[in-house]
Protein backbone atom coordinates (compact mmCIF):
# COMPACT_ATOMS: atom_id res chain seq x y z
CA UNK A 1 -22.28 -10.07 5.56
CA UNK A 2 -20.18 -12.39 3.44
CA UNK A 3 -16.43 -12.41 3.98
CA UNK A 4 -15.89 -10.57 0.71
CA UNK A 5 -17.87 -7.37 0.31
CA UNK A 6 -18.40 -3.83 1.55
CA UNK A 7 -19.43 -2.88 5.06
CA UNK A 8 -19.71 0.28 7.13
CA UNK A 9 -18.64 -0.58 10.66
CA UNK A 10 -20.94 1.35 13.06
CA UNK A 11 -19.29 4.09 15.09
CA UNK A 12 -21.08 2.89 18.23
CA UNK A 13 -19.04 -0.30 18.06
CA UNK A 14 -15.69 1.44 18.61
CA UNK A 15 -13.24 -0.74 20.50
CA UNK A 16 -9.80 0.15 21.80
CA UNK A 17 -6.86 -2.22 21.79
CA UNK A 18 -3.11 -2.39 22.02
CA UNK A 19 -1.67 -2.07 18.52
CA UNK A 20 1.90 -2.60 17.34
CA UNK A 21 3.71 -0.92 14.45
CA UNK A 22 6.92 -2.25 12.92
CA UNK A 23 8.70 0.39 10.83
CA UNK A 24 8.35 4.09 11.63
CA UNK A 25 8.76 5.63 8.21
CA UNK A 26 6.17 7.92 6.63
CA UNK A 27 3.49 5.19 6.70
CA UNK A 28 4.33 3.90 10.16
CA UNK A 29 4.32 7.37 11.71
CA UNK A 30 0.95 8.20 10.16
CA UNK A 31 -0.54 4.92 11.45
CA UNK A 32 1.00 5.56 14.88
CA UNK A 33 -0.37 9.10 15.23
CA UNK A 34 -3.68 8.24 13.61
CA UNK A 35 -4.47 5.25 15.78
CA UNK A 36 -3.48 7.17 18.90
CA UNK A 37 -6.03 9.85 18.05
CA UNK A 38 -8.62 7.05 17.88
CA UNK A 39 -7.81 6.01 21.45
CA UNK A 40 -5.70 2.93 20.79
CA UNK A 41 -2.53 2.24 22.77
CA UNK A 42 0.26 2.01 20.20
CA UNK A 43 3.64 0.30 20.62
CA UNK A 44 6.37 0.74 18.02
CA UNK A 45 9.42 -1.13 16.79
CA UNK A 46 12.16 0.15 14.50
CA UNK A 47 15.79 -0.80 13.90
CA UNK A 48 16.83 2.86 13.79
CA UNK A 49 17.56 5.26 16.65
CA UNK A 50 14.37 7.33 16.57
CA UNK A 51 12.65 9.57 19.16
CA UNK A 52 10.09 6.99 20.24
CA UNK A 53 10.00 4.40 23.00
CA UNK A 54 11.08 1.34 21.05
CA UNK A 55 9.70 -2.07 21.93
CA UNK A 56 11.11 -5.40 20.82
CA UNK A 57 9.24 -7.62 18.38
CA UNK A 58 8.82 -10.10 21.22
CA UNK A 59 7.04 -7.43 23.29
CA UNK A 60 4.71 -6.63 20.38
CA UNK A 61 3.92 -10.32 19.95
CA UNK A 62 3.18 -10.64 23.67
CA UNK A 63 1.02 -7.54 24.18
CA UNK A 64 -0.66 -6.45 20.94
CA UNK A 65 -3.98 -7.44 19.39
CA UNK A 66 -2.92 -6.29 15.91
CA UNK A 67 0.60 -5.69 14.58
CA UNK A 68 1.04 -3.57 11.46
CA UNK A 69 4.14 -4.27 9.36
CA UNK A 70 5.06 -0.95 7.71
CA UNK A 71 8.64 -1.67 6.64
CA UNK A 72 10.16 -0.69 3.27
CA UNK A 73 9.84 -2.83 0.14
CA UNK A 74 12.67 -1.29 -1.91
CA UNK A 75 13.33 -1.76 -5.58
CA UNK A 76 15.95 -4.30 -6.59
CA UNK A 77 18.46 -3.54 -9.36
CA UNK A 78 16.23 -5.31 -11.90
CA UNK A 79 13.22 -3.25 -10.79
CA UNK A 80 11.45 -6.04 -8.91
CA UNK A 81 10.12 -5.68 -5.36
CA UNK A 82 12.43 -6.67 -2.50
CA UNK A 83 10.29 -8.28 0.20
CA UNK A 84 13.16 -9.48 2.38
CA UNK A 85 12.49 -7.04 5.24
CA UNK A 86 8.78 -7.89 5.29
CA UNK A 87 9.51 -11.62 5.47
CA UNK A 88 12.22 -11.14 8.09
CA UNK A 89 9.84 -9.27 10.42
CA UNK A 90 6.97 -11.69 9.75
CA UNK A 91 9.17 -14.72 10.46
CA UNK A 92 10.46 -13.26 13.73
CA UNK A 93 6.94 -12.41 14.86
CA UNK A 94 5.29 -15.71 14.03
CA UNK A 95 8.19 -17.66 15.57
CA UNK A 96 7.69 -15.85 18.87
CA UNK A 97 3.89 -16.12 18.61
CA UNK A 98 4.20 -19.88 18.09
CA UNK A 99 6.13 -20.12 21.36
CA UNK A 100 3.54 -18.03 23.20
CA UNK A 101 0.63 -20.07 21.81
CA UNK A 102 1.79 -23.02 23.92
CA UNK A 103 0.26 -21.18 26.86
CA UNK A 104 -3.44 -21.60 27.63
CA UNK A 105 -4.52 -17.94 27.92
CA UNK A 106 -2.53 -16.35 25.09
CA UNK A 107 -4.57 -14.81 22.25
CA UNK A 108 -2.46 -14.54 19.08
CA UNK A 109 -2.40 -11.14 17.34
CA UNK A 110 -3.33 -10.35 13.78
CA UNK A 111 -0.34 -9.48 11.61
CA UNK A 112 -1.46 -6.83 9.12
CA UNK A 113 0.84 -6.23 6.16
CA UNK A 114 0.62 -2.53 5.32
CA UNK A 115 3.83 -2.55 3.28
CA UNK A 116 3.22 -2.75 -0.47
CA UNK A 117 3.69 -6.41 -1.40
CA UNK A 118 3.40 -8.23 -4.70
CA UNK A 119 0.26 -10.32 -5.30
CA UNK A 120 0.46 -13.65 -3.51
CA UNK A 121 2.72 -12.51 -0.66
CA UNK A 122 0.20 -12.83 2.15
CA UNK A 123 -1.10 -16.12 0.75
CA UNK A 124 2.47 -17.42 1.01
CA UNK A 125 2.49 -16.47 4.70
CA UNK A 126 -0.87 -17.88 5.77
CA UNK A 127 0.19 -21.56 5.81
CA UNK A 128 2.79 -20.60 8.43
CA UNK A 129 0.46 -18.29 10.38
CA UNK A 130 -3.28 -18.07 9.67
CA UNK A 131 -3.89 -14.72 11.40
CA UNK A 132 -2.30 -12.55 8.71
CA UNK A 133 -3.88 -10.12 6.27
CA UNK A 134 -3.15 -7.47 3.67
CA UNK A 135 -4.16 -3.94 4.68
CA UNK A 136 -2.67 -1.67 1.99
CA UNK A 137 -2.16 2.05 2.52
CA UNK A 138 -3.25 4.81 0.13
CA UNK A 139 -1.44 7.80 1.60
CA UNK A 140 0.41 10.63 -0.10
CA UNK A 141 3.83 11.57 1.21
CA UNK A 142 2.85 15.20 1.86
CA UNK A 143 -0.41 14.43 3.68
CA UNK A 144 0.13 10.97 5.12
CA UNK A 145 -1.61 11.52 8.48
CA UNK A 146 -4.55 13.38 6.92
CA UNK A 147 -4.93 10.65 4.31
CA UNK A 148 -4.81 7.92 6.94
CA UNK A 149 -7.47 9.61 9.10
CA UNK A 150 -9.72 10.37 6.12
CA UNK A 151 -9.52 7.34 3.83
CA UNK A 152 -11.72 6.84 0.79
CA UNK A 153 -11.88 3.16 1.69
CA UNK A 154 -10.32 0.64 4.06
CA UNK A 155 -9.19 -2.58 2.41
CA UNK A 156 -8.93 -5.71 4.54
CA UNK A 157 -7.54 -8.63 2.57
CA UNK A 158 -8.27 -11.69 4.68
CA UNK A 159 -9.96 -15.08 4.58
CA UNK A 160 -10.06 -15.68 8.31
CA UNK A 161 -13.16 -14.45 10.17
CA UNK A 162 -11.19 -13.72 13.35
CA UNK A 163 -8.76 -11.56 11.40
CA UNK A 164 -11.61 -9.63 9.75
CA UNK A 165 -13.31 -9.01 13.10
CA UNK A 166 -10.14 -7.73 14.77
CA UNK A 167 -9.24 -5.48 11.85
CA UNK A 168 -12.72 -3.98 11.83
CA UNK A 169 -12.33 -3.27 15.54
CA UNK A 170 -9.11 -1.35 14.89
CA UNK A 171 -10.80 0.82 12.26
CA UNK A 172 -14.18 1.10 14.01
CA UNK A 173 -13.68 4.82 14.59
CA UNK A 174 -13.15 5.62 10.90
CA UNK A 175 -15.99 6.86 8.70
CA UNK A 176 -15.10 5.00 5.51
CA UNK A 177 -16.37 1.94 3.67
CA UNK A 178 -14.62 -1.25 4.73
CA UNK A 179 -14.03 -3.51 1.75
CA UNK A 180 -13.35 -7.14 2.62
CA UNK A 181 -11.35 -9.01 -0.03
CA UNK A 182 -9.00 -11.93 -0.37
CA UNK A 183 -5.35 -11.10 0.44
CA UNK A 184 -4.31 -11.23 -3.21
CA UNK A 185 -7.22 -9.02 -4.26
CA UNK A 186 -6.11 -6.45 -1.67
CA UNK A 187 -2.54 -6.53 -2.99
CA UNK A 188 -3.77 -6.10 -6.57
CA UNK A 189 -6.03 -3.20 -5.52
CA UNK A 190 -2.97 -1.38 -4.18
CA UNK A 191 -0.85 -2.01 -7.27
CA UNK A 192 -3.59 -1.24 -9.77
CA UNK A 193 -4.58 1.95 -7.93
CA UNK A 194 -1.03 3.27 -8.21
CA UNK A 195 -0.76 2.00 -11.78
CA UNK A 196 -3.92 3.86 -12.75
CA UNK A 197 -2.60 7.11 -11.28
CA UNK A 198 0.62 6.67 -13.25
CA UNK A 199 -1.42 5.92 -16.37
CA UNK A 200 -3.14 9.30 -15.91
CA UNK A 201 0.28 10.95 -15.74
CA UNK A 202 1.19 9.17 -18.97
CA UNK A 203 -1.97 10.51 -20.61
CA UNK A 204 -1.14 13.99 -19.36
CA UNK A 205 2.22 13.72 -21.13
CA UNK A 206 0.37 12.83 -24.32
CA UNK A 207 -1.82 15.91 -23.93
CA UNK A 208 1.33 17.99 -23.49
CA UNK A 209 2.95 16.57 -26.64
CA UNK A 210 -0.16 17.16 -28.76
CA UNK A 211 -0.45 20.74 -27.50
CA UNK A 212 3.22 21.42 -28.24
CA UNK A 213 2.84 20.06 -31.76
CA UNK A 214 -0.22 22.22 -32.41
CA UNK A 215 1.31 25.21 -30.58
CA UNK A 216 -1.64 25.65 -28.26
CA UNK A 217 -1.91 26.22 -24.51
CA UNK A 218 -1.88 22.93 -22.60
CA UNK A 219 -3.27 24.54 -19.44
CA UNK A 220 -6.37 25.73 -21.28
CA UNK A 221 -6.89 22.29 -22.79
CA UNK A 222 -6.48 20.74 -19.33
CA UNK A 223 -9.12 23.08 -17.85
CA UNK A 224 -11.52 22.20 -20.64
CA UNK A 225 -11.01 18.45 -20.28
CA UNK A 226 -11.37 18.40 -16.50
CA UNK A 227 -14.50 20.55 -16.55
CA UNK A 228 -16.20 17.26 -17.41
CA UNK A 229 -17.54 15.90 -14.11
CA UNK A 230 -16.64 12.36 -15.20
CA UNK A 231 -12.93 13.22 -15.36
CA UNK A 232 -11.00 13.62 -12.11
CA UNK A 233 -8.27 16.29 -12.59
CA UNK A 234 -5.78 14.66 -10.20
CA UNK A 235 -2.56 13.46 -11.91
CA UNK A 236 -3.77 14.84 -15.25
CA UNK A 237 -2.09 18.27 -15.43
CA UNK A 238 0.06 18.27 -18.62
CA UNK A 239 2.15 21.21 -17.42
CA UNK A 240 3.69 19.39 -14.45
CA UNK A 241 5.83 16.97 -16.45
CA UNK A 242 6.70 13.29 -15.97
CA UNK A 243 6.85 11.52 -12.63
CA UNK A 244 10.00 12.58 -10.81
CA UNK A 245 12.53 9.96 -9.79
CA UNK A 246 12.29 11.63 -6.37
CA UNK A 247 8.60 10.62 -6.15
CA UNK A 248 9.33 6.91 -6.33
CA UNK A 249 6.24 5.07 -5.12
CA UNK A 250 4.07 5.21 -8.24
CA UNK A 251 6.83 4.34 -10.69
CA UNK A 252 8.43 1.77 -8.35
CA UNK A 253 5.15 -0.06 -7.87
CA UNK A 254 4.21 -0.10 -11.55
CA UNK A 255 7.62 -1.41 -12.57
CA UNK A 256 7.47 -4.12 -9.88
CA UNK A 257 4.01 -5.13 -11.10
CA UNK A 258 5.16 -5.31 -14.72
CA UNK A 259 8.09 -7.54 -13.77
CA UNK A 260 5.94 -9.77 -11.54
CA UNK A 261 3.36 -10.17 -14.32
CA UNK A 262 6.12 -11.12 -16.76
CA UNK A 263 7.35 -13.78 -14.34
CA UNK A 264 3.79 -15.13 -14.26
CA UNK A 265 3.65 -15.28 -18.06
CA UNK A 266 1.60 -12.14 -18.70
CA UNK A 267 3.07 -9.41 -20.91
CA UNK A 268 1.19 -6.13 -20.38
CA UNK A 269 2.11 -3.85 -23.27
CA UNK A 270 -0.40 -1.30 -21.94
CA UNK A 271 1.27 -0.98 -18.53
CA UNK A 272 4.72 -0.86 -20.12
CA UNK A 273 3.64 1.94 -22.43
CA UNK A 274 2.17 3.88 -19.51
CA UNK A 275 5.39 3.46 -17.57
CA UNK A 276 7.53 4.77 -20.42
CA UNK A 277 5.30 7.78 -21.04
CA UNK A 278 4.84 8.72 -17.38
CA UNK A 279 8.38 8.32 -16.06
CA UNK A 280 11.48 10.29 -16.95
CA UNK A 281 13.34 8.38 -19.68
CA UNK A 282 16.57 8.19 -17.68
CA UNK A 283 15.21 5.25 -15.70
CA UNK A 284 18.27 3.04 -16.18
CA UNK A 285 18.23 -0.58 -17.39
CA UNK A 286 14.59 -1.57 -16.66
CA UNK A 287 13.35 1.44 -18.61
CA UNK A 288 15.59 0.65 -21.59
CA UNK A 289 14.33 -2.94 -21.64
CA UNK A 290 10.70 -1.80 -21.54
CA UNK A 291 11.26 0.74 -24.31
CA UNK A 292 12.59 -2.00 -26.55
CA UNK A 293 9.48 -4.11 -25.91
CA UNK A 294 6.95 -1.38 -26.67
CA UNK A 295 8.60 0.02 -29.82
């Protein structure tokens, strides 16, 4: 198989290893519990006082075959993605790994970035440490563990054959297609997946507005539209309303993508319009700026 493509890793090839997780939020906890059910030994690190046995980053670097970084990537005031925690953890890990690699028998771990990072992040890390990859998550907050254990696909964004092999070993017990991509392709898959879901919410708001204008029942229209087997009903219910500010991931990621694309010289009027229509209009300064652009 080429390094970029789709593969089903055979269940008979299941391998167990010591895995590390940095950041025990919703994603980290799901990865922790999920990988334990698959027979892996899992070590965790977190800066908070949480009810787990906490290991240091040095211990993870010394003992783990793969280390998942699952730390937050919060929104800055301008709406862009704050990657400072991801880089801080990565730098601490690869510094310690570099020290350990001076020994003859040490096998360096793969660092898998599961945090949502803007396109190009992992490529910026690989010159410092080649055994790094993007492994985005596609979990919902309410069903994180179930989603992790039953994925539609597993994305491994890596160029290094050793990294790909180790990551496939971690997920060898999962019955899901493994899609091998470049790191940036993996990051874009994550952002565009969330952007598409938010675009569906935006379209649902348009359905709602049309039904209100015509004084017809939006729920009936929704049932009729989604009876078409080509149209997935998820995120398309016009009666639910816009994306709540308390459900931040979809809107946070789309806004971060819009801003990153603008910095790269690409102005996506389509994504901006979807953002405005899908998200509550009280979205502070970034929303006001986008509204001005799409008028």
